[in-house]
Amino acid sequence: MKKSFEEQINELENIIKELEEGKLNLDESVSKFEEGMKISKECNKMLEDAEKKITILLNQDGDTKEENFSPNDN
């Protein structure tokens, strides 16, 4: 079962804490870093996929128009 975005972020935060504590040896640190990078990439993909799904519905002259979401629109 695929983990949720929130679960992935929590796991990434735990890895960061472990790395910051400095109690891991070099091999363990490298392994945790690689795991963290993988999770980070997965989270970025999840965010990109969510952004693609978001649409803005505008009501123009009684018709509903669907447009792609752009984070730069205000």
C-alpha atoms as a PDB file:
ATOM      1  CA  MET A   1       0.000   0.000   0.000  1.00  0.00           C
ATOM      2  CA  LYS A   2       1.333   3.402  -0.979  1.00  0.00           C
ATOM      3  CA  LYS A   3       1.998   5.793   1.892  1.00  0.00           C
ATOM      4  CA  SER A   4       0.211   9.122   2.049  1.00  0.00           C
ATOM      5  CA  PHE A   5       2.027  12.399   1.532  1.00  0.00           C
ATOM      6  CA  GLU A   6       1.778  13.125   5.259  1.00  0.00           C
ATOM      7  CA  GLU A   7       3.224   9.723   6.178  1.00  0.00           C
ATOM      8  CA  GLN A   8       6.097  10.285   3.744  1.00  0.00           C
ATOM      9  CA  ILE A   9       6.827  13.729   5.247  1.00  0.00           C
ATOM     10  CA  ASN A  10       6.814  12.277   8.782  1.00  0.00           C
ATOM     11  CA  GLU A  11       9.241   9.570   7.697  1.00  0.00           C
ATOM     12  CA  LEU A  12      11.483  12.172   6.068  1.00  0.00           C
ATOM     13  CA  GLU A  13      11.433  14.281   9.247  1.00  0.00           C
ATOM     14  CA  ASN A  14      12.477  11.228  11.297  1.00  0.00           C
ATOM     15  CA  ILE A  15      15.391  10.578   8.934  1.00  0.00           C
ATOM     16  CA  ILE A  16      16.491  14.208   9.233  1.00  0.00           C
ATOM     17  CA  LYS A  17      16.413  13.968  13.043  1.00  0.00           C
ATOM     18  CA  GLU A  18      18.518  10.803  12.964  1.00  0.00           C
ATOM     19  CA  LEU A  19      21.074  12.427  10.671  1.00  0.00           C
ATOM     20  CA  GLU A  20      21.212  15.602  12.779  1.00  0.00           C
ATOM     21  CA  GLU A  21      21.813  13.618  15.985  1.00  0.00           C
ATOM     22  CA  GLY A  22      25.111  12.392  14.527  1.00  0.00           C
ATOM     23  CA  LYS A  23      24.899   8.970  16.203  1.00  0.00           C
ATOM     24  CA  LEU A  24      24.993   6.998  12.949  1.00  0.00           C
ATOM     25  CA  ASN A  25      28.175   5.683  11.410  1.00  0.00           C
ATOM     26  CA  LEU A  26      29.129   6.723   7.871  1.00  0.00           C
ATOM     27  CA  ASP A  27      27.457   3.770   6.130  1.00  0.00           C
ATOM     28  CA  GLU A  28      24.228   4.257   8.096  1.00  0.00           C
ATOM     29  CA  SER A  29      24.277   7.992   7.379  1.00  0.00           C
ATOM     30  CA  VAL A  30      24.726   7.439   3.645  1.00  0.00           C
ATOM     31  CA  SER A  31      21.925   4.859   3.642  1.00  0.00           C
ATOM     32  CA  LYS A  32      19.573   7.216   5.524  1.00  0.00           C
ATOM     33  CA  PHE A  33      20.494  10.076   3.187  1.00  0.00           C
ATOM     34  CA  GLU A  34      19.694   7.918   0.125  1.00  0.00           C
ATOM     35  CA  GLU A  35      16.386   6.876   1.691  1.00  0.00           C
ATOM     36  CA  GLY A  36      15.566  10.518   2.443  1.00  0.00           C
ATOM     37  CA  MET A  37      16.322  11.565  -1.137  1.00  0.00           C
ATOM     38  CA  LYS A  38      14.034   8.818  -2.468  1.00  0.00           C
ATOM     39  CA  ILE A  39      11.206   9.943  -0.175  1.00  0.00           C
ATOM     40  CA  SER A  40      11.794  13.574  -1.162  1.00  0.00           C
ATOM     41  CA  LYS A  41      11.480  12.700  -4.860  1.00  0.00           C
ATOM     42  CA  GLU A  42       8.284  10.739  -4.176  1.00  0.00           C
ATOM     43  CA  CYS A  43       6.806  13.707  -2.274  1.00  0.00           C
ATOM     44  CA  ASN A  44       7.700  16.090  -5.098  1.00  0.00           C
ATOM     45  CA  LYS A  45       5.996  13.776  -7.601  1.00  0.00           C
ATOM     46  CA  MET A  46       2.900  13.607  -5.396  1.00  0.00           C
ATOM     47  CA  LEU A  47       2.780  17.414  -5.248  1.00  0.00           C
ATOM     48  CA  GLU A  48       3.235  17.719  -9.019  1.00  0.00           C
ATOM     49  CA  ASP A  49       0.453  15.188  -9.621  1.00  0.00           C
ATOM     50  CA  ALA A  50      -1.864  17.040  -7.239  1.00  0.00           C
ATOM     51  CA  GLU A  51      -1.106  20.353  -8.952  1.00  0.00           C
ATOM     52  CA  LYS A  52      -2.020  18.846 -12.322  1.00  0.00           C
ATOM     53  CA  LYS A  53      -5.391  17.737 -10.936  1.00  0.00           C
ATOM     54  CA  ILE A  54      -6.313  21.121  -9.495  1.00  0.00           C
ATOM     55  CA  THR A  55      -8.543  23.182 -11.702  1.00  0.00           C
ATOM     56  CA  ILE A  56     -10.208  26.526 -11.363  1.00  0.00           C
ATOM     57  CA  LEU A  57     -13.838  26.776 -12.324  1.00  0.00           C
ATOM     58  CA  LEU A  58     -14.867  30.148 -13.617  1.00  0.00           C
ATOM     59  CA  ASN A  59     -18.393  31.245 -14.294  1.00  0.00           C
ATOM     60  CA  GLN A  60     -18.474  33.293 -17.490  1.00  0.00           C
ATOM     61  CA  ASP A  61     -21.834  34.338 -18.911  1.00  0.00           C
ATOM     62  CA  GLY A  62     -23.593  31.456 -17.168  1.00  0.00           C
ATOM     63  CA  ASP A  63     -21.187  28.882 -18.612  1.00  0.00           C
ATOM     64  CA  THR A  64     -18.699  27.076 -16.472  1.00  0.00           C
ATOM     65  CA  LYS A  65     -15.190  27.157 -17.861  1.00  0.00           C
ATOM     66  CA  GLU A  66     -12.440  24.864 -16.609  1.00  0.00           C
ATOM     67  CA  GLU A  67      -8.859  26.108 -16.646  1.00  0.00           C
ATOM     68  CA  ASN A  68      -5.611  24.592 -15.485  1.00  0.00           C
ATOM     69  CA  PHE A  69      -4.394  25.790 -12.119  1.00  0.00           C
ATOM     70  CA  SER A  70      -1.411  28.100 -12.134  1.00  0.00           C
ATOM     71  CA  PRO A  71       0.244  28.910  -8.804  1.00  0.00           C
ATOM     72  CA  ASN A  72       1.143  32.357 -10.152  1.00  0.00           C
ATOM     73  CA  ASP A  73      -2.507  33.410 -10.618  1.00  0.00           C
ATOM     74  CA  ASN A  74      -3.847  35.680  -7.885  1.00  0.00           C
END
